[in-house]
N, C-alpha and C. Protein backbone atom coordinates (compact mmCIF):
# COMPACT_ATOMS: atom_id res chain seq x y z
N MET A 1 25.70 -11.48 5.62
CA MET A 1 25.79 -10.16 6.13
C MET A 1 26.66 -10.36 7.44
N LEU A 2 27.55 -9.36 7.48
CA LEU A 2 28.41 -9.18 8.76
C LEU A 2 27.63 -8.21 9.77
N GLN A 3 27.63 -8.60 10.95
CA GLN A 3 26.89 -7.79 11.90
C GLN A 3 27.83 -7.40 13.12
N ILE A 4 27.90 -6.13 13.41
CA ILE A 4 28.89 -5.69 14.46
C ILE A 4 28.14 -4.99 15.42
N ARG A 5 28.25 -5.32 16.65
CA ARG A 5 27.66 -4.66 17.89
C ARG A 5 28.59 -3.97 18.59
N TRP A 6 28.42 -2.59 18.99
CA TRP A 6 29.30 -1.66 19.68
C TRP A 6 28.72 -1.50 21.01
N HIS A 7 29.59 -1.63 22.07
CA HIS A 7 29.31 -1.36 23.37
C HIS A 7 30.08 -0.25 23.94
N GLY A 8 29.55 0.86 24.51
CA GLY A 8 30.35 1.85 25.01
C GLY A 8 29.51 2.49 26.07
N ARG A 9 29.93 3.66 26.53
CA ARG A 9 29.22 4.54 27.51
C ARG A 9 28.90 5.84 26.69
N GLY A 10 27.77 6.42 27.16
CA GLY A 10 27.35 7.66 26.62
C GLY A 10 28.56 8.72 26.60
N GLY A 11 28.90 9.30 25.51
CA GLY A 11 29.84 10.27 25.33
C GLY A 11 31.21 9.76 24.85
N GLN A 12 31.32 8.45 24.78
CA GLN A 12 32.56 7.72 24.23
C GLN A 12 32.64 7.66 22.66
N GLY A 13 31.49 7.93 22.07
CA GLY A 13 31.50 7.82 20.58
C GLY A 13 31.17 6.42 19.93
N ALA A 14 30.48 5.56 20.69
CA ALA A 14 30.17 4.27 19.98
C ALA A 14 29.27 4.53 18.84
N VAL A 15 28.26 5.44 18.85
CA VAL A 15 27.40 5.65 17.69
C VAL A 15 28.23 6.26 16.56
N THR A 16 29.11 7.11 16.89
CA THR A 16 29.96 7.69 15.71
C THR A 16 30.94 6.60 15.20
N ALA A 17 31.40 5.69 15.97
CA ALA A 17 32.28 4.62 15.46
C ALA A 17 31.36 3.71 14.48
N ALA A 18 30.16 3.42 14.87
CA ALA A 18 29.33 2.60 14.06
C ALA A 18 29.04 3.18 12.71
N ARG A 19 28.87 4.50 12.78
CA ARG A 19 28.58 5.40 11.53
C ARG A 19 29.84 5.41 10.74
N ILE A 20 31.02 5.58 11.17
CA ILE A 20 32.27 5.65 10.49
C ILE A 20 32.54 4.24 9.84
N LEU A 21 32.33 3.18 10.61
CA LEU A 21 32.47 1.89 9.78
C LEU A 21 31.55 1.64 8.72
N GLY A 22 30.37 2.09 8.95
CA GLY A 22 29.20 1.97 7.85
C GLY A 22 29.67 2.88 6.60
N LEU A 23 30.15 3.98 6.96
CA LEU A 23 30.56 4.97 5.89
C LEU A 23 31.77 4.34 5.07
N ALA A 24 32.73 3.81 5.87
CA ALA A 24 33.92 3.28 5.22
C ALA A 24 33.48 2.03 4.25
N ALA A 25 32.56 1.22 4.77
CA ALA A 25 32.13 0.07 4.09
C ALA A 25 31.36 0.41 2.71
N SER A 26 30.39 1.36 2.97
CA SER A 26 29.40 1.72 1.79
C SER A 26 30.04 2.70 0.81
N VAL A 27 30.83 3.60 1.22
CA VAL A 27 31.32 4.63 0.28
C VAL A 27 32.61 4.20 -0.27
N TYR A 28 33.61 3.66 0.60
CA TYR A 28 34.92 3.47 0.13
C TYR A 28 35.34 2.00 -0.01
N GLU A 29 34.46 1.02 0.11
CA GLU A 29 34.61 -0.43 -0.17
C GLU A 29 33.47 -0.99 -0.87
N ASN A 30 32.48 -0.26 -1.41
CA ASN A 30 31.39 -0.74 -2.29
C ASN A 30 30.57 -1.92 -1.70
N TYR A 31 30.30 -1.84 -0.48
CA TYR A 31 29.34 -2.59 0.23
C TYR A 31 28.14 -1.80 0.50
N TYR A 32 26.99 -2.49 0.87
CA TYR A 32 25.88 -1.92 1.51
C TYR A 32 26.14 -1.78 2.93
N ALA A 33 25.59 -0.85 3.71
CA ALA A 33 25.88 -0.75 5.19
C ALA A 33 24.70 -0.06 5.76
N GLN A 34 24.42 -0.51 7.03
CA GLN A 34 23.58 0.37 7.91
C GLN A 34 24.33 0.57 9.30
N SER A 35 24.06 1.70 9.92
CA SER A 35 24.43 1.84 11.26
C SER A 35 23.49 2.63 11.94
N PHE A 36 23.25 2.20 13.22
CA PHE A 36 22.15 3.00 13.97
C PHE A 36 22.53 2.74 15.42
N PRO A 37 21.99 3.58 16.37
CA PRO A 37 22.13 3.40 17.76
C PRO A 37 20.97 2.82 18.41
N ALA A 38 21.26 2.36 19.68
CA ALA A 38 20.12 1.85 20.68
C ALA A 38 20.41 2.49 21.87
N PHE A 39 19.59 3.46 22.22
CA PHE A 39 19.70 4.21 23.43
C PHE A 39 18.76 3.76 24.56
N GLY A 40 19.34 3.90 25.78
CA GLY A 40 18.51 3.74 26.92
C GLY A 40 18.21 5.02 27.62
N VAL A 41 18.96 5.20 28.70
CA VAL A 41 18.73 6.43 29.36
C VAL A 41 19.42 7.73 28.83
N GLU A 42 20.24 7.56 27.73
CA GLU A 42 20.72 8.77 26.94
C GLU A 42 21.45 9.72 27.86
N ARG A 43 22.29 9.16 28.74
CA ARG A 43 23.08 10.27 29.56
C ARG A 43 24.60 9.90 29.52
N ARG A 44 25.48 10.89 29.67
CA ARG A 44 26.78 10.71 29.68
C ARG A 44 27.23 9.52 30.67
N GLY A 45 27.92 8.49 30.23
CA GLY A 45 28.41 7.51 31.13
C GLY A 45 27.48 6.32 31.15
N ALA A 46 26.40 6.39 30.77
CA ALA A 46 25.40 5.19 30.70
C ALA A 46 25.75 4.31 29.68
N PRO A 47 25.52 2.98 29.83
CA PRO A 47 25.82 1.98 28.66
C PRO A 47 24.95 2.29 27.52
N VAL A 48 25.64 2.25 26.34
CA VAL A 48 24.92 2.39 25.01
C VAL A 48 25.39 1.33 24.11
N MET A 49 24.52 1.07 23.10
CA MET A 49 24.88 0.10 22.07
C MET A 49 24.61 0.98 20.74
N ALA A 50 25.37 0.51 19.73
CA ALA A 50 25.26 0.85 18.36
C ALA A 50 25.57 -0.39 17.47
N PHE A 51 25.04 -0.26 16.33
CA PHE A 51 25.04 -1.49 15.39
C PHE A 51 25.58 -1.11 14.02
N THR A 52 26.32 -1.95 13.40
CA THR A 52 26.70 -1.75 12.01
C THR A 52 26.44 -3.10 11.28
N LYS A 53 25.54 -3.00 10.09
CA LYS A 53 25.47 -4.16 9.26
C LYS A 53 26.18 -3.89 7.94
N ILE A 54 26.74 -4.91 7.37
CA ILE A 54 27.53 -4.80 6.22
C ILE A 54 27.22 -5.99 5.29
N ASP A 55 26.87 -5.82 3.96
CA ASP A 55 26.66 -6.80 3.19
C ASP A 55 26.88 -6.54 1.67
N ALA A 56 27.07 -7.60 0.80
CA ALA A 56 27.38 -7.20 -0.55
C ALA A 56 26.02 -6.80 -1.28
N GLY A 57 24.87 -7.16 -0.66
CA GLY A 57 23.62 -6.75 -1.30
C GLY A 57 22.94 -5.89 -0.43
N VAL A 58 21.68 -5.23 -0.89
CA VAL A 58 20.87 -4.41 -0.15
C VAL A 58 20.46 -5.04 1.17
N ILE A 59 20.45 -4.23 2.27
CA ILE A 59 20.07 -4.74 3.59
C ILE A 59 18.72 -4.16 3.86
N LEU A 60 17.73 -5.10 3.94
CA LEU A 60 16.27 -4.53 4.23
C LEU A 60 16.04 -4.74 5.66
N ASP A 61 16.63 -5.56 6.44
CA ASP A 61 16.43 -5.74 7.88
C ASP A 61 17.02 -4.64 8.70
N ARG A 62 16.11 -3.90 9.39
CA ARG A 62 16.44 -2.74 10.22
C ARG A 62 16.42 -3.08 11.78
N SER A 63 16.38 -4.27 12.07
CA SER A 63 16.26 -4.66 13.56
C SER A 63 17.62 -4.62 14.18
N GLU A 64 17.59 -4.53 15.57
CA GLU A 64 18.85 -4.57 16.29
C GLU A 64 19.52 -5.82 15.95
N ILE A 65 20.87 -5.94 16.36
CA ILE A 65 21.70 -7.13 16.10
C ILE A 65 21.57 -7.88 17.37
N TYR A 66 21.17 -9.18 17.26
CA TYR A 66 21.04 -10.13 18.39
C TYR A 66 22.09 -11.19 18.40
N GLU A 67 22.58 -11.41 17.18
CA GLU A 67 23.75 -12.50 16.98
C GLU A 67 24.83 -11.88 16.07
N PRO A 68 25.61 -11.07 16.83
CA PRO A 68 26.73 -10.36 16.11
C PRO A 68 27.85 -11.35 15.63
N ASP A 69 28.52 -11.03 14.54
CA ASP A 69 29.79 -11.63 14.16
C ASP A 69 30.93 -11.13 15.00
N TYR A 70 30.86 -9.90 15.32
CA TYR A 70 31.97 -9.15 15.95
C TYR A 70 31.28 -8.22 17.09
N VAL A 71 31.97 -8.07 18.13
CA VAL A 71 31.61 -7.12 19.14
C VAL A 71 32.73 -6.22 19.41
N VAL A 72 32.53 -4.88 19.58
CA VAL A 72 33.49 -3.93 19.86
C VAL A 72 33.12 -3.30 21.27
N VAL A 73 34.02 -3.30 22.15
CA VAL A 73 33.74 -2.88 23.60
C VAL A 73 34.78 -1.58 23.70
N LEU A 74 34.22 -0.46 23.88
CA LEU A 74 35.05 0.81 23.97
C LEU A 74 35.36 0.96 25.53
N ASP A 75 34.85 0.28 26.35
CA ASP A 75 35.04 0.50 27.82
C ASP A 75 35.04 -0.77 28.51
N SER A 76 36.15 -1.27 28.99
CA SER A 76 36.24 -2.63 29.68
C SER A 76 35.51 -2.72 30.87
N THR A 77 35.14 -1.54 31.46
CA THR A 77 34.29 -1.57 32.76
C THR A 77 32.95 -2.12 32.44
N LEU A 78 32.40 -2.07 31.24
CA LEU A 78 31.23 -2.62 31.04
C LEU A 78 31.19 -4.11 31.18
N LEU A 79 32.26 -4.83 31.17
CA LEU A 79 32.15 -6.25 31.35
C LEU A 79 31.55 -6.72 32.59
N GLY A 80 31.60 -5.88 33.62
CA GLY A 80 30.94 -6.18 34.91
C GLY A 80 29.52 -5.97 34.96
N THR A 81 28.93 -5.16 33.95
CA THR A 81 27.56 -4.87 34.17
C THR A 81 26.77 -5.21 32.86
N VAL A 82 27.45 -5.43 31.79
CA VAL A 82 26.71 -5.73 30.52
C VAL A 82 27.39 -6.99 29.93
N ASN A 83 26.32 -7.96 29.53
CA ASN A 83 26.87 -9.15 28.90
C ASN A 83 27.18 -8.85 27.38
N VAL A 84 28.42 -8.43 27.11
CA VAL A 84 28.75 -7.93 25.85
C VAL A 84 28.83 -8.97 24.79
N THR A 85 29.00 -10.30 25.30
CA THR A 85 28.99 -11.29 24.36
C THR A 85 27.73 -12.11 24.12
N ALA A 86 26.60 -11.56 24.53
CA ALA A 86 25.36 -12.12 24.51
C ALA A 86 24.94 -12.28 22.94
N GLY A 87 24.72 -13.58 22.55
CA GLY A 87 24.40 -13.88 21.18
C GLY A 87 25.55 -14.02 20.27
N LEU A 88 26.84 -13.53 20.69
CA LEU A 88 27.87 -13.58 19.76
C LEU A 88 28.05 -15.06 19.17
N LYS A 89 28.24 -15.07 17.86
CA LYS A 89 28.35 -16.39 17.11
C LYS A 89 29.55 -17.02 17.62
N PRO A 90 29.45 -18.36 17.63
CA PRO A 90 30.65 -19.17 18.02
C PRO A 90 31.90 -18.83 17.06
N GLY A 91 33.11 -18.56 17.62
CA GLY A 91 34.15 -18.25 16.84
C GLY A 91 34.08 -16.80 16.51
N GLY A 92 33.33 -16.01 17.05
CA GLY A 92 33.24 -14.51 16.98
C GLY A 92 34.40 -13.88 17.58
N LYS A 93 34.62 -12.57 17.31
CA LYS A 93 35.72 -11.90 17.92
C LYS A 93 35.22 -10.69 18.69
N VAL A 94 35.86 -10.38 19.86
CA VAL A 94 35.48 -9.34 20.83
C VAL A 94 36.78 -8.55 20.62
N VAL A 95 36.70 -7.27 20.17
CA VAL A 95 37.70 -6.14 20.06
C VAL A 95 37.53 -5.41 21.22
N ILE A 96 38.45 -5.37 22.21
CA ILE A 96 38.13 -4.55 23.37
C ILE A 96 39.22 -3.66 23.79
N ASN A 97 38.82 -2.49 24.16
CA ASN A 97 39.69 -1.41 24.79
C ASN A 97 40.04 -1.92 26.15
N TRP A 98 41.28 -2.40 26.35
CA TRP A 98 41.65 -3.06 27.58
C TRP A 98 43.00 -2.39 28.14
N PRO A 99 42.81 -1.56 29.17
CA PRO A 99 44.14 -0.93 29.70
C PRO A 99 45.23 -1.93 29.87
N GLY A 100 46.41 -1.51 29.49
CA GLY A 100 47.67 -2.48 29.65
C GLY A 100 47.24 -3.67 28.84
N ALA A 101 46.84 -3.54 27.55
CA ALA A 101 46.37 -4.65 26.75
C ALA A 101 47.26 -6.00 26.74
N GLN A 102 48.60 -5.85 26.98
CA GLN A 102 49.42 -7.05 27.09
C GLN A 102 49.20 -7.78 28.43
N ALA A 103 48.51 -7.19 29.35
CA ALA A 103 48.59 -7.74 30.72
C ALA A 103 47.43 -8.76 30.61
N GLU A 104 46.97 -9.17 31.74
CA GLU A 104 45.86 -10.23 31.85
C GLU A 104 44.62 -9.50 31.23
N GLN A 105 43.91 -10.33 30.38
CA GLN A 105 42.77 -9.95 29.82
C GLN A 105 41.73 -11.04 29.73
N PRO A 106 40.47 -10.78 29.23
CA PRO A 106 39.52 -11.82 29.16
C PRO A 106 39.92 -12.91 28.18
N SER A 107 39.44 -14.08 28.52
CA SER A 107 39.66 -15.17 27.48
C SER A 107 38.43 -16.12 27.44
N SER A 108 38.24 -16.78 26.41
CA SER A 108 37.12 -17.64 26.25
C SER A 108 37.50 -18.78 25.22
N SER A 109 36.90 -19.89 25.44
CA SER A 109 37.21 -20.92 24.37
C SER A 109 36.13 -20.77 23.17
N ASP A 110 35.16 -19.90 23.39
CA ASP A 110 34.10 -19.75 22.40
C ASP A 110 34.40 -18.53 21.46
N TYR A 111 35.09 -17.47 21.90
CA TYR A 111 35.30 -16.26 21.17
C TYR A 111 36.73 -15.96 21.21
N GLU A 112 37.21 -15.11 20.32
CA GLU A 112 38.60 -14.61 20.33
C GLU A 112 38.49 -13.13 20.87
N TYR A 113 39.22 -13.02 21.92
CA TYR A 113 39.43 -11.65 22.43
C TYR A 113 40.59 -10.95 21.78
N ILE A 114 40.55 -9.74 21.31
CA ILE A 114 41.56 -8.99 20.81
C ILE A 114 41.55 -7.74 21.57
N ALA A 115 42.59 -7.56 22.40
CA ALA A 115 42.66 -6.41 23.29
C ALA A 115 43.68 -5.31 22.70
N ILE A 116 43.35 -4.18 22.96
CA ILE A 116 44.35 -3.00 22.68
C ILE A 116 44.01 -1.92 23.70
N ASP A 117 45.05 -1.26 24.08
CA ASP A 117 44.95 -0.14 24.99
C ASP A 117 44.59 1.12 24.23
N ALA A 118 43.26 1.17 23.67
CA ALA A 118 42.93 2.23 22.94
C ALA A 118 42.87 3.59 23.57
N THR A 119 42.66 3.57 24.99
CA THR A 119 42.60 4.70 25.78
C THR A 119 44.02 5.40 25.72
N GLN A 120 45.10 4.60 25.87
CA GLN A 120 46.54 5.25 25.85
C GLN A 120 46.76 5.71 24.49
N ILE A 121 46.41 4.96 23.45
CA ILE A 121 46.66 5.52 21.99
C ILE A 121 45.96 6.81 21.82
N ALA A 122 44.58 6.84 22.16
CA ALA A 122 43.81 8.09 22.00
C ALA A 122 44.36 9.22 22.82
N GLN A 123 44.79 9.01 24.01
CA GLN A 123 45.26 10.01 24.87
C GLN A 123 46.56 10.69 24.37
N SER A 124 47.44 9.76 23.82
CA SER A 124 48.64 10.22 23.36
C SER A 124 48.62 10.90 21.94
N ILE A 125 47.58 10.55 21.13
CA ILE A 125 47.58 11.00 19.78
C ILE A 125 46.52 12.29 19.68
N ILE A 126 45.29 11.98 20.25
CA ILE A 126 44.25 12.88 20.08
C ILE A 126 44.29 14.01 21.29
N GLY A 127 44.93 13.58 22.37
CA GLY A 127 44.85 14.27 23.59
C GLY A 127 43.64 14.25 24.54
N ARG A 128 42.79 13.30 24.20
CA ARG A 128 41.63 12.99 25.03
C ARG A 128 41.41 11.38 24.99
N PRO A 129 40.83 11.03 25.91
CA PRO A 129 40.53 9.55 26.00
C PRO A 129 39.16 9.02 25.34
N ILE A 130 38.98 9.59 24.22
CA ILE A 130 37.90 9.26 23.37
C ILE A 130 38.41 8.20 22.24
N THR A 131 37.91 6.92 22.40
CA THR A 131 38.51 5.81 21.76
C THR A 131 37.85 5.29 20.53
N ASN A 132 36.74 5.92 20.12
CA ASN A 132 35.96 5.50 19.02
C ASN A 132 36.70 5.26 17.74
N THR A 133 37.44 6.23 17.22
CA THR A 133 38.17 6.03 16.00
C THR A 133 39.37 5.14 16.07
N THR A 134 39.92 5.16 17.29
CA THR A 134 40.99 4.22 17.60
C THR A 134 40.41 2.73 17.44
N MET A 135 39.22 2.42 17.98
CA MET A 135 38.61 1.23 17.94
C MET A 135 38.10 0.73 16.57
N VAL A 136 37.82 1.73 15.78
CA VAL A 136 37.51 1.38 14.38
C VAL A 136 38.85 0.79 13.70
N GLY A 137 39.88 1.49 13.94
CA GLY A 137 41.07 1.06 13.37
C GLY A 137 41.53 -0.40 13.90
N ALA A 138 41.29 -0.63 15.11
CA ALA A 138 41.56 -1.87 15.65
C ALA A 138 40.76 -3.01 15.08
N LEU A 139 39.43 -2.74 14.89
CA LEU A 139 38.59 -3.62 14.21
C LEU A 139 38.85 -3.87 12.90
N SER A 140 39.19 -2.90 12.15
CA SER A 140 39.63 -3.06 10.68
C SER A 140 40.85 -4.08 10.68
N ALA A 141 41.84 -3.83 11.55
CA ALA A 141 42.98 -4.80 11.42
C ALA A 141 42.64 -6.21 11.96
N ALA A 142 41.82 -6.26 12.99
CA ALA A 142 41.59 -7.47 13.53
C ALA A 142 40.75 -8.49 12.64
N THR A 143 39.81 -7.77 11.83
CA THR A 143 38.84 -8.59 11.10
C THR A 143 38.92 -8.46 9.47
N GLY A 144 39.60 -7.38 9.06
CA GLY A 144 39.73 -7.13 7.64
C GLY A 144 38.37 -6.82 6.94
N ILE A 145 37.40 -6.33 7.76
CA ILE A 145 36.07 -5.94 7.14
C ILE A 145 36.32 -4.96 6.21
N VAL A 146 37.00 -3.79 6.49
CA VAL A 146 37.37 -2.77 5.62
C VAL A 146 38.88 -2.45 5.71
N SER A 147 39.37 -1.85 4.77
CA SER A 147 40.86 -1.39 4.74
C SER A 147 41.08 -0.21 5.67
N LEU A 148 42.32 0.07 6.00
CA LEU A 148 42.65 1.10 6.75
C LEU A 148 42.44 2.44 6.02
N ALA A 149 42.72 2.30 4.71
CA ALA A 149 42.45 3.52 3.86
C ALA A 149 41.08 4.05 3.82
N ALA A 150 40.02 3.02 3.74
CA ALA A 150 38.69 3.31 3.86
C ALA A 150 38.26 3.99 5.22
N VAL A 151 38.78 3.38 6.19
CA VAL A 151 38.61 3.93 7.60
C VAL A 151 39.03 5.39 7.70
N GLN A 152 40.24 5.55 7.19
CA GLN A 152 40.78 6.97 7.30
C GLN A 152 40.00 8.01 6.43
N LYS A 153 39.51 7.52 5.32
CA LYS A 153 38.62 8.45 4.44
C LYS A 153 37.36 8.87 5.16
N ALA A 154 36.81 7.70 5.84
CA ALA A 154 35.48 7.81 6.39
C ALA A 154 35.63 8.73 7.65
N ILE A 155 36.68 8.62 8.32
CA ILE A 155 36.91 9.55 9.54
C ILE A 155 37.15 10.99 9.00
N ALA A 156 37.84 11.15 7.97
CA ALA A 156 38.02 12.51 7.48
C ALA A 156 36.73 13.12 6.99
N GLU A 157 35.81 12.30 6.58
CA GLU A 157 34.53 12.82 6.10
C GLU A 157 33.58 13.10 7.14
N ALA A 158 33.56 12.18 8.26
CA ALA A 158 32.58 12.21 9.33
C ALA A 158 32.97 13.21 10.36
N LEU A 159 34.19 13.53 10.56
CA LEU A 159 34.54 14.43 11.67
C LEU A 159 34.81 15.85 11.17
N PRO A 160 34.78 16.84 12.04
CA PRO A 160 35.15 18.18 11.61
C PRO A 160 36.70 18.15 11.31
N SER A 161 37.11 19.03 10.33
CA SER A 161 38.52 19.04 9.94
C SER A 161 39.56 19.20 11.02
N GLN A 162 39.22 20.05 12.09
CA GLN A 162 40.18 20.16 13.22
C GLN A 162 40.43 18.98 14.02
N LEU A 163 39.38 18.01 13.93
CA LEU A 163 39.59 16.75 14.65
C LEU A 163 40.02 15.59 13.79
N ALA A 164 39.82 15.68 12.49
CA ALA A 164 39.96 14.57 11.72
C ALA A 164 41.50 14.05 11.66
N ALA A 165 42.41 14.86 11.51
CA ALA A 165 43.85 14.40 11.28
C ALA A 165 44.23 13.57 12.50
N LYS A 166 44.07 14.03 13.67
CA LYS A 166 44.56 13.35 14.86
C LYS A 166 43.78 12.05 14.98
N ASN A 167 42.48 12.00 14.68
CA ASN A 167 41.60 10.83 14.68
C ASN A 167 42.06 9.67 13.64
N VAL A 168 42.43 10.19 12.39
CA VAL A 168 43.10 9.37 11.34
C VAL A 168 44.25 8.76 11.80
N ALA A 169 45.17 9.47 12.52
CA ALA A 169 46.45 8.90 13.04
C ALA A 169 46.15 7.95 14.18
N ALA A 170 45.29 8.25 15.07
CA ALA A 170 44.86 7.28 16.04
C ALA A 170 44.42 5.93 15.57
N ALA A 171 43.53 5.82 14.55
CA ALA A 171 43.16 4.90 13.92
C ALA A 171 44.15 3.96 13.31
N ALA A 172 45.10 4.79 12.60
CA ALA A 172 46.34 4.00 12.04
C ALA A 172 47.10 3.38 13.05
N ALA A 173 47.46 4.06 14.17
CA ALA A 173 48.18 3.45 15.27
C ALA A 173 47.61 2.26 15.80
N ALA A 174 46.23 2.09 16.05
CA ALA A 174 45.59 0.90 16.42
C ALA A 174 45.64 -0.14 15.43
N PHE A 175 45.45 0.34 14.16
CA PHE A 175 45.49 -0.68 13.07
C PHE A 175 46.91 -1.24 13.06
N ASN A 176 47.96 -0.54 13.16
CA ASN A 176 49.33 -0.98 13.12
C ASN A 176 49.61 -1.88 14.22
N ALA A 177 49.15 -1.48 15.50
CA ALA A 177 49.39 -2.23 16.71
C ALA A 177 48.91 -3.68 16.47
N ILE A 178 47.58 -3.81 16.12
CA ILE A 178 46.96 -5.11 15.88
C ILE A 178 47.66 -5.98 14.83
N SER A 179 47.84 -5.20 13.75
CA SER A 179 48.53 -5.98 12.54
C SER A 179 49.83 -6.45 12.93
N GLY A 180 50.58 -5.67 13.55
CA GLY A 180 51.98 -6.09 14.01
C GLY A 180 51.72 -7.30 14.93
N ARG A 181 50.90 -7.42 15.74
CA ARG A 181 50.75 -8.63 16.64
C ARG A 181 50.28 -9.84 15.81
N LYS A 182 49.43 -9.67 14.73
CA LYS A 182 49.03 -10.74 13.96
C LYS A 182 50.19 -11.21 13.08
N HIS A 183 51.01 -10.22 12.65
CA HIS A 183 52.22 -10.72 11.80
C HIS A 183 53.17 -11.44 12.62
N ASN A 184 53.31 -11.02 13.90
CA ASN A 184 54.33 -11.74 14.76
C ASN A 184 53.96 -13.07 15.11
N ALA A 185 52.57 -13.23 15.28
CA ALA A 185 52.07 -14.59 15.73
C ALA A 185 52.18 -15.43 14.47
N GLU A 186 51.90 -14.94 13.24
CA GLU A 186 51.92 -15.83 12.14
C GLU A 186 53.48 -16.16 11.87
N PHE A 187 54.37 -15.28 12.12
CA PHE A 187 55.85 -15.53 12.00
C PHE A 187 56.24 -16.55 12.90
N ALA A 188 55.75 -16.52 14.20
CA ALA A 188 56.17 -17.50 15.21
C ALA A 188 55.70 -18.81 15.01
N THR A 189 54.64 -18.95 14.20
CA THR A 189 54.11 -20.31 13.91
C THR A 189 54.75 -21.00 12.69
N ARG A 190 55.66 -20.29 12.05
CA ARG A 190 56.31 -20.89 10.74
C ARG A 190 57.45 -21.67 11.16
């Protein structure tokens, strides 16, 4: 079973991102999936977590994720207040919204950090700094959990029609940015 933990702040769409990934996996990729939130104080700006579980078989465990395979961080300011890598399996990946993603970013010998300036992508395409769908696209490219086509269909289904097209485009832009980096790195090692 693949387990993904989402970290964000209230109002950034972490719960919606977890739901979109679960929808993409279960409806458009023929997996079983669960997605659910964990709320604390439930106010805008407060740290929130959401979870997505994906498996080839029925998922009976409905507990929170304590040992994720992947962590997605929608707001890099959480690094100073929340231990986002708690329980992350060795070799796991942290997909993080990091302003100026090519500049200095977190590093670890235990995990792979994949940074993208999702805020800039969302602001330029959606017109708002809401990064949830952008980060789903980045996660898709970084991990191969689900295809971009599945993500785009799930976004179109989950969001109101007036928001869907721009969010689909933002997810594709993030997917292409991460895929381009992976392709360039593979090319450089040949």
